[in-house]
Full PDB file with SEQRES, HELIX, SHEET, SSBOND, CRYST1, ORIGX, SCALE, CONECT and MASTER records, all heavy atoms in Angstrom:
SEQRES   1 A   31  ALA LEU GLY ASN GLY PHE MET SER LEU ALA GLY ARG ILE          
SEQRES   2 A   31  VAL PRO SER GLY PHE SER SER VAL PHE MET ALA LEU GLY          
SEQRES   3 A   31  PRO SER LEU LEU VAL                                          
HELIX    1 AA1 GLY A    3  ALA A   10  1                                   8    
HELIX    2 AA2 SER A   16  MET A   23  1                                   8    
HELIX    3 AA3 GLY A   26  LEU A   30  1                                   5    
CRYST1    1.000    1.000    1.000  90.00  90.00  90.00 P 1           1          
ORIGX1      1.000000  0.000000  0.000000        0.00000                         
ORIGX2      0.000000  1.000000  0.000000        0.00000                         
ORIGX3      0.000000  0.000000  1.000000        0.00000                         
SCALE1      1.000000  0.000000  0.000000        0.00000                         
SCALE2      0.000000  1.000000  0.000000        0.00000                         
SCALE3      0.000000  0.000000  1.000000        0.00000                         
ATOM      1  N   ALA A   1       0.724  -3.403  12.178  1.00  0.00           N  
ATOM      2  CA  ALA A   1       2.147  -3.048  12.189  1.00  0.00           C  
ATOM      3  C   ALA A   1       2.739  -3.053  10.779  1.00  0.00           C  
ATOM      4  O   ALA A   1       3.401  -2.095  10.368  1.00  0.00           O  
ATOM      5  CB  ALA A   1       2.913  -4.009  13.095  1.00  0.00           C  
ATOM      6  N   LEU A   2       2.487  -4.122  10.033  1.00  0.00           N  
ATOM      7  CA  LEU A   2       3.034  -4.203   8.678  1.00  0.00           C  
ATOM      8  C   LEU A   2       2.154  -3.468   7.667  1.00  0.00           C  
ATOM      9  O   LEU A   2       2.645  -2.638   6.891  1.00  0.00           O  
ATOM     10  CB  LEU A   2       3.204  -5.667   8.258  1.00  0.00           C  
ATOM     11  CG  LEU A   2       4.189  -6.499   9.078  1.00  0.00           C  
ATOM     12  CD1 LEU A   2       4.347  -7.896   8.473  1.00  0.00           C  
ATOM     13  CD2 LEU A   2       5.537  -5.819   9.181  1.00  0.00           C  
ATOM     14  N   GLY A   3       0.850  -3.763   7.664  1.00  0.00           N  
ATOM     15  CA  GLY A   3      -0.048  -3.149   6.685  1.00  0.00           C  
ATOM     16  C   GLY A   3      -0.143  -1.641   6.815  1.00  0.00           C  
ATOM     17  O   GLY A   3       0.282  -0.888   5.926  1.00  0.00           O  
ATOM     18  N   ASN A   4      -0.682  -1.173   7.938  1.00  0.00           N  
ATOM     19  CA  ASN A   4      -0.828   0.273   8.170  1.00  0.00           C  
ATOM     20  C   ASN A   4       0.525   0.964   8.318  1.00  0.00           C  
ATOM     21  O   ASN A   4       0.752   2.052   7.775  1.00  0.00           O  
ATOM     22  CB  ASN A   4      -1.646   0.527   9.429  1.00  0.00           C  
ATOM     23  CG  ASN A   4      -3.134   0.292   9.234  1.00  0.00           C  
ATOM     24  OD1 ASN A   4      -3.905   0.415  10.173  1.00  0.00           O  
ATOM     25  ND2 ASN A   4      -3.567  -0.057   8.024  1.00  0.00           N  
ATOM     26  N   GLY A   5       1.442   0.320   9.070  1.00  0.00           N  
ATOM     27  CA  GLY A   5       2.717   0.951   9.372  1.00  0.00           C  
ATOM     28  C   GLY A   5       3.558   1.225   8.135  1.00  0.00           C  
ATOM     29  O   GLY A   5       4.033   2.355   7.926  1.00  0.00           O  
ATOM     30  N   PHE A   6       3.746   0.221   7.313  1.00  0.00           N  
ATOM     31  CA  PHE A   6       4.596   0.407   6.130  1.00  0.00           C  
ATOM     32  C   PHE A   6       3.907   1.233   5.051  1.00  0.00           C  
ATOM     33  O   PHE A   6       4.579   1.893   4.257  1.00  0.00           O  
ATOM     34  CB  PHE A   6       5.054  -0.951   5.589  1.00  0.00           C  
ATOM     35  CG  PHE A   6       6.247  -1.498   6.317  1.00  0.00           C  
ATOM     36  CD1 PHE A   6       6.083  -2.307   7.434  1.00  0.00           C  
ATOM     37  CD2 PHE A   6       7.536  -1.178   5.928  1.00  0.00           C  
ATOM     38  CE1 PHE A   6       7.176  -2.793   8.136  1.00  0.00           C  
ATOM     39  CE2 PHE A   6       8.641  -1.663   6.608  1.00  0.00           C  
ATOM     40  CZ  PHE A   6       8.466  -2.469   7.716  1.00  0.00           C  
ATOM     41  N   MET A   7       2.575   1.230   5.039  1.00  0.00           N  
ATOM     42  CA  MET A   7       1.886   2.115   4.096  1.00  0.00           C  
ATOM     43  C   MET A   7       2.129   3.578   4.484  1.00  0.00           C  
ATOM     44  O   MET A   7       2.319   4.442   3.627  1.00  0.00           O  
ATOM     45  CB  MET A   7       0.379   1.827   4.085  1.00  0.00           C  
ATOM     46  CG  MET A   7      -0.363   2.529   2.954  1.00  0.00           C  
ATOM     47  SD  MET A   7      -2.136   2.556   3.200  1.00  0.00           S  
ATOM     48  CE  MET A   7      -2.316   3.848   4.428  1.00  0.00           C  
ATOM     49  N   SER A   8       2.156   3.847   5.801  1.00  0.00           N  
ATOM     50  CA  SER A   8       2.442   5.203   6.264  1.00  0.00           C  
ATOM     51  C   SER A   8       3.877   5.604   5.929  1.00  0.00           C  
ATOM     52  O   SER A   8       4.133   6.734   5.519  1.00  0.00           O  
ATOM     53  CB  SER A   8       2.222   5.309   7.779  1.00  0.00           C  
ATOM     54  OG  SER A   8       0.857   5.146   8.107  1.00  0.00           O  
ATOM     55  N   LEU A   9       4.822   4.673   6.089  1.00  0.00           N  
ATOM     56  CA  LEU A   9       6.213   4.956   5.754  1.00  0.00           C  
ATOM     57  C   LEU A   9       6.353   5.282   4.262  1.00  0.00           C  
ATOM     58  O   LEU A   9       7.092   6.192   3.875  1.00  0.00           O  
ATOM     59  CB  LEU A   9       7.103   3.758   6.104  1.00  0.00           C  
ATOM     60  CG  LEU A   9       7.353   3.512   7.597  1.00  0.00           C  
ATOM     61  CD1 LEU A   9       8.034   2.162   7.807  1.00  0.00           C  
ATOM     62  CD2 LEU A   9       8.200   4.625   8.198  1.00  0.00           C  
ATOM     63  N   ALA A  10       5.611   4.557   3.424  1.00  0.00           N  
ATOM     64  CA  ALA A  10       5.673   4.793   1.980  1.00  0.00           C  
ATOM     65  C   ALA A  10       5.068   6.136   1.607  1.00  0.00           C  
ATOM     66  O   ALA A  10       5.424   6.723   0.576  1.00  0.00           O  
ATOM     67  CB  ALA A  10       4.937   3.677   1.235  1.00  0.00           C  
ATOM     68  N   GLY A  11       4.164   6.653   2.451  1.00  0.00           N  
ATOM     69  CA  GLY A  11       3.481   7.910   2.154  1.00  0.00           C  
ATOM     70  C   GLY A  11       4.394   9.115   2.048  1.00  0.00           C  
ATOM     71  O   GLY A  11       3.992  10.135   1.490  1.00  0.00           O  
ATOM     72  N   ARG A  12       5.605   9.007   2.574  1.00  0.00           N  
ATOM     73  CA  ARG A  12       6.565  10.105   2.458  1.00  0.00           C  
ATOM     74  C   ARG A  12       7.306  10.076   1.115  1.00  0.00           C  
ATOM     75  O   ARG A  12       8.006  11.019   0.776  1.00  0.00           O  
ATOM     76  CB  ARG A  12       7.584  10.040   3.591  1.00  0.00           C  
ATOM     77  CG  ARG A  12       7.027  10.511   4.921  1.00  0.00           C  
ATOM     78  CD  ARG A  12       8.113  10.567   5.968  1.00  0.00           C  
ATOM     79  NE  ARG A  12       7.691  11.396   7.099  1.00  0.00           N  
ATOM     80  CZ  ARG A  12       8.384  11.532   8.225  1.00  0.00           C  
ATOM     81  NH1 ARG A  12       9.535  10.904   8.358  1.00  0.00           N  
ATOM     82  NH2 ARG A  12       7.949  12.305   9.195  1.00  0.00           N  
ATOM     83  N   ILE A  13       7.158   8.973   0.394  1.00  0.00           N  
ATOM     84  CA  ILE A  13       7.938   8.788  -0.830  1.00  0.00           C  
ATOM     85  C   ILE A  13       7.069   8.795  -2.081  1.00  0.00           C  
ATOM     86  O   ILE A  13       7.450   9.367  -3.110  1.00  0.00           O  
ATOM     87  CB  ILE A  13       8.741   7.471  -0.752  1.00  0.00           C  
ATOM     88  CG1 ILE A  13       9.645   7.478   0.492  1.00  0.00           C  
ATOM     89  CG2 ILE A  13       9.557   7.242  -2.025  1.00  0.00           C  
ATOM     90  CD1 ILE A  13      10.308   6.148   0.783  1.00  0.00           C  
ATOM     91  N   VAL A  14       5.904   8.160  -1.997  1.00  0.00           N  
ATOM     92  CA  VAL A  14       5.025   8.063  -3.171  1.00  0.00           C  
ATOM     93  C   VAL A  14       3.668   8.693  -2.871  1.00  0.00           C  
ATOM     94  O   VAL A  14       3.243   8.739  -1.713  1.00  0.00           O  
ATOM     95  CB  VAL A  14       4.833   6.588  -3.611  1.00  0.00           C  
ATOM     96  CG1 VAL A  14       6.153   6.004  -4.091  1.00  0.00           C  
ATOM     97  CG2 VAL A  14       4.266   5.751  -2.475  1.00  0.00           C  
ATOM     98  N   PRO A  15       2.953   9.183  -3.880  1.00  0.00           N  
ATOM     99  CA  PRO A  15       1.653   9.831  -3.679  1.00  0.00           C  
ATOM    100  C   PRO A  15       0.598   8.877  -3.119  1.00  0.00           C  
ATOM    101  O   PRO A  15       0.714   7.656  -3.240  1.00  0.00           O  
ATOM    102  CB  PRO A  15       1.274  10.302  -5.098  1.00  0.00           C  
ATOM    103  CG  PRO A  15       2.553  10.350  -5.853  1.00  0.00           C  
ATOM    104  CD  PRO A  15       3.392   9.251  -5.284  1.00  0.00           C  
ATOM    105  N   SER A  16      -0.448   9.445  -2.520  1.00  0.00           N  
ATOM    106  CA  SER A  16      -1.502   8.640  -1.908  1.00  0.00           C  
ATOM    107  C   SER A  16      -2.244   7.789  -2.933  1.00  0.00           C  
ATOM    108  O   SER A  16      -2.591   6.636  -2.659  1.00  0.00           O  
ATOM    109  CB  SER A  16      -2.492   9.554  -1.171  1.00  0.00           C  
ATOM    110  OG  SER A  16      -3.089  10.487  -2.061  1.00  0.00           O  
ATOM    111  N   GLY A  17      -2.486   8.343  -4.123  1.00  0.00           N  
ATOM    112  CA  GLY A  17      -3.165   7.576  -5.171  1.00  0.00           C  
ATOM    113  C   GLY A  17      -2.350   6.384  -5.607  1.00  0.00           C  
ATOM    114  O   GLY A  17      -2.886   5.294  -5.855  1.00  0.00           O  
ATOM    115  N   PHE A  18      -1.041   6.566  -5.695  1.00  0.00           N  
ATOM    116  CA  PHE A  18      -0.123   5.482  -6.039  1.00  0.00           C  
ATOM    117  C   PHE A  18      -0.236   4.356  -5.011  1.00  0.00           C  
ATOM    118  O   PHE A  18      -0.333   3.170  -5.355  1.00  0.00           O  
ATOM    119  CB  PHE A  18       1.297   6.039  -6.090  1.00  0.00           C  
ATOM    120  CG  PHE A  18       2.377   5.044  -6.435  1.00  0.00           C  
ATOM    121  CD1 PHE A  18       2.932   5.028  -7.695  1.00  0.00           C  
ATOM    122  CD2 PHE A  18       2.842   4.143  -5.492  1.00  0.00           C  
ATOM    123  CE1 PHE A  18       3.943   4.123  -8.017  1.00  0.00           C  
ATOM    124  CE2 PHE A  18       3.840   3.233  -5.795  1.00  0.00           C  
ATOM    125  CZ  PHE A  18       4.396   3.227  -7.056  1.00  0.00           C  
ATOM    126  N   SER A  19      -0.198   4.723  -3.726  1.00  0.00           N  
ATOM    127  CA  SER A  19      -0.286   3.728  -2.650  1.00  0.00           C  
ATOM    128  C   SER A  19      -1.587   2.938  -2.725  1.00  0.00           C  
ATOM    129  O   SER A  19      -1.598   1.718  -2.544  1.00  0.00           O  
ATOM    130  CB  SER A  19      -0.177   4.410  -1.282  1.00  0.00           C  
ATOM    131  OG  SER A  19       1.071   5.032  -1.115  1.00  0.00           O  
ATOM    132  N   SER A  20      -2.687   3.626  -2.991  1.00  0.00           N  
ATOM    133  CA  SER A  20      -3.991   2.957  -3.029  1.00  0.00           C  
ATOM    134  C   SER A  20      -4.060   1.951  -4.162  1.00  0.00           C  
ATOM    135  O   SER A  20      -4.624   0.863  -4.010  1.00  0.00           O  
ATOM    136  CB  SER A  20      -5.112   3.993  -3.169  1.00  0.00           C  
ATOM    137  OG  SER A  20      -5.060   4.626  -4.431  1.00  0.00           O  
ATOM    138  N   VAL A  21      -3.491   2.298  -5.316  1.00  0.00           N  
ATOM    139  CA  VAL A  21      -3.484   1.373  -6.448  1.00  0.00           C  
ATOM    140  C   VAL A  21      -2.614   0.161  -6.124  1.00  0.00           C  
ATOM    141  O   VAL A  21      -2.993  -0.989  -6.405  1.00  0.00           O  
ATOM    142  CB  VAL A  21      -2.971   2.070  -7.732  1.00  0.00           C  
ATOM    143  CG1 VAL A  21      -2.756   1.063  -8.848  1.00  0.00           C  
ATOM    144  CG2 VAL A  21      -3.965   3.140  -8.179  1.00  0.00           C  
ATOM    145  N   PHE A  22      -1.466   0.390  -5.515  1.00  0.00           N  
ATOM    146  CA  PHE A  22      -0.565  -0.704  -5.155  1.00  0.00           C  
ATOM    147  C   PHE A  22      -1.255  -1.668  -4.181  1.00  0.00           C  
ATOM    148  O   PHE A  22      -1.159  -2.897  -4.325  1.00  0.00           O  
ATOM    149  CB  PHE A  22       0.706  -0.139  -4.538  1.00  0.00           C  
ATOM    150  CG  PHE A  22       1.890  -1.076  -4.595  1.00  0.00           C  
ATOM    151  CD1 PHE A  22       2.889  -0.871  -5.520  1.00  0.00           C  
ATOM    152  CD2 PHE A  22       1.999  -2.141  -3.720  1.00  0.00           C  
ATOM    153  CE1 PHE A  22       3.989  -1.729  -5.584  1.00  0.00           C  
ATOM    154  CE2 PHE A  22       3.084  -3.001  -3.769  1.00  0.00           C  
ATOM    155  CZ  PHE A  22       4.088  -2.790  -4.697  1.00  0.00           C  
ATOM    156  N   MET A  23      -1.949  -1.113  -3.187  1.00  0.00           N  
ATOM    157  CA  MET A  23      -2.628  -1.950  -2.188  1.00  0.00           C  
ATOM    158  C   MET A  23      -3.775  -2.750  -2.780  1.00  0.00           C  
ATOM    159  O   MET A  23      -4.212  -3.744  -2.196  1.00  0.00           O  
ATOM    160  CB  MET A  23      -3.124  -1.080  -1.034  1.00  0.00           C  
ATOM    161  CG  MET A  23      -2.016  -0.437  -0.200  1.00  0.00           C  
ATOM    162  SD  MET A  23      -0.924  -1.613   0.615  1.00  0.00           S  
ATOM    163  CE  MET A  23      -2.007  -2.252   1.907  1.00  0.00           C  
ATOM    164  N   ALA A  24      -4.261  -2.332  -3.954  1.00  0.00           N  
ATOM    165  CA  ALA A  24      -5.345  -3.073  -4.620  1.00  0.00           C  
ATOM    166  C   ALA A  24      -4.859  -4.400  -5.174  1.00  0.00           C  
ATOM    167  O   ALA A  24      -5.658  -5.197  -5.680  1.00  0.00           O  
ATOM    168  CB  ALA A  24      -5.942  -2.224  -5.747  1.00  0.00           C  
ATOM    169  N   LEU A  25      -3.559  -4.665  -5.071  1.00  0.00           N  
ATOM    170  CA  LEU A  25      -3.018  -5.955  -5.495  1.00  0.00           C  
ATOM    171  C   LEU A  25      -3.479  -7.083  -4.568  1.00  0.00           C  
ATOM    172  O   LEU A  25      -3.327  -8.263  -4.901  1.00  0.00           O  
ATOM    173  CB  LEU A  25      -1.484  -5.885  -5.500  1.00  0.00           C  
ATOM    174  CG  LEU A  25      -0.707  -7.099  -5.999  1.00  0.00           C  
ATOM    175  CD1 LEU A  25      -1.000  -7.356  -7.468  1.00  0.00           C  
ATOM    176  CD2 LEU A  25       0.782  -6.887  -5.797  1.00  0.00           C  
ATOM    177  N   GLY A  26      -4.082  -6.734  -3.443  1.00  0.00           N  
ATOM    178  CA  GLY A  26      -4.478  -7.713  -2.430  1.00  0.00           C  
ATOM    179  C   GLY A  26      -5.219  -8.941  -2.934  1.00  0.00           C  
ATOM    180  O   GLY A  26      -4.819 -10.077  -2.630  1.00  0.00           O  
ATOM    181  N   PRO A  27      -6.329  -8.791  -3.696  1.00  0.00           N  
ATOM    182  CA  PRO A  27      -7.055  -9.969  -4.152  1.00  0.00           C  
ATOM    183  C   PRO A  27      -6.188 -10.934  -4.972  1.00  0.00           C  
ATOM    184  O   PRO A  27      -6.355 -12.155  -4.892  1.00  0.00           O  
ATOM    185  CB  PRO A  27      -8.180  -9.368  -5.006  1.00  0.00           C  
ATOM    186  CG  PRO A  27      -8.416  -8.032  -4.394  1.00  0.00           C  
ATOM    187  CD  PRO A  27      -7.051  -7.541  -4.002  1.00  0.00           C  
ATOM    188  N   SER A  28      -5.260 -10.396  -5.754  1.00  0.00           N  
ATOM    189  CA  SER A  28      -4.362 -11.253  -6.533  1.00  0.00           C  
ATOM    190  C   SER A  28      -3.442 -12.053  -5.605  1.00  0.00           C  
ATOM    191  O   SER A  28      -3.174 -13.235  -5.833  1.00  0.00           O  
ATOM    192  CB  SER A  28      -3.513 -10.410  -7.492  1.00  0.00           C  
ATOM    193  OG  SER A  28      -4.326  -9.766  -8.450  1.00  0.00           O  
ATOM    194  N   LEU A  29      -2.971 -11.409  -4.533  1.00  0.00           N  
ATOM    195  CA  LEU A  29      -2.128 -12.110  -3.573  1.00  0.00           C  
ATOM    196  C   LEU A  29      -2.898 -13.209  -2.859  1.00  0.00           C  
ATOM    197  O   LEU A  29      -2.375 -14.300  -2.621  1.00  0.00           O  
ATOM    198  CB  LEU A  29      -1.573 -11.123  -2.545  1.00  0.00           C  
ATOM    199  CG  LEU A  29      -0.461 -10.185  -3.021  1.00  0.00           C  
ATOM    200  CD1 LEU A  29      -0.069  -9.228  -1.903  1.00  0.00           C  
ATOM    201  CD2 LEU A  29       0.763 -10.974  -3.476  1.00  0.00           C  
ATOM    202  N   LEU A  30      -4.159 -12.929  -2.530  1.00  0.00           N  
ATOM    203  CA  LEU A  30      -4.980 -13.947  -1.862  1.00  0.00           C  
ATOM    204  C   LEU A  30      -5.163 -15.167  -2.743  1.00  0.00           C  
ATOM    205  O   LEU A  30      -5.183 -16.306  -2.259  1.00  0.00           O  
ATOM    206  CB  LEU A  30      -6.336 -13.356  -1.471  1.00  0.00           C  
ATOM    207  CG  LEU A  30      -6.317 -12.402  -0.282  1.00  0.00           C  
ATOM    208  CD1 LEU A  30      -7.691 -11.782  -0.072  1.00  0.00           C  
ATOM    209  CD2 LEU A  30      -5.863 -13.119   0.987  1.00  0.00           C  
ATOM    210  N   VAL A  31      -5.288 -14.951  -4.062  1.00  0.00           N  
ATOM    211  CA  VAL A  31      -5.388 -16.078  -4.997  1.00  0.00           C  
ATOM    212  C   VAL A  31      -4.130 -16.946  -4.873  1.00  0.00           C  
ATOM    213  O   VAL A  31      -4.208 -18.181  -4.805  1.00  0.00           O  
ATOM    214  CB  VAL A  31      -5.550 -15.580  -6.452  1.00  0.00           C  
ATOM    215  CG1 VAL A  31      -5.397 -16.738  -7.436  1.00  0.00           C  
ATOM    216  CG2 VAL A  31      -6.920 -14.935  -6.639  1.00  0.00           C  
TER     217      VAL A  31                                                      
MASTER        0    0    0    3    0    0    0    6  216    1    0    3          
END                                                                             
């Protein structure tokens, strides 16, 4: 709901490559 859902909502505003780079922040958040 949050991960997939909000990434899809963002897809109307920012490019797909932008979204993928942003989502790569994951390992830093896990730290």
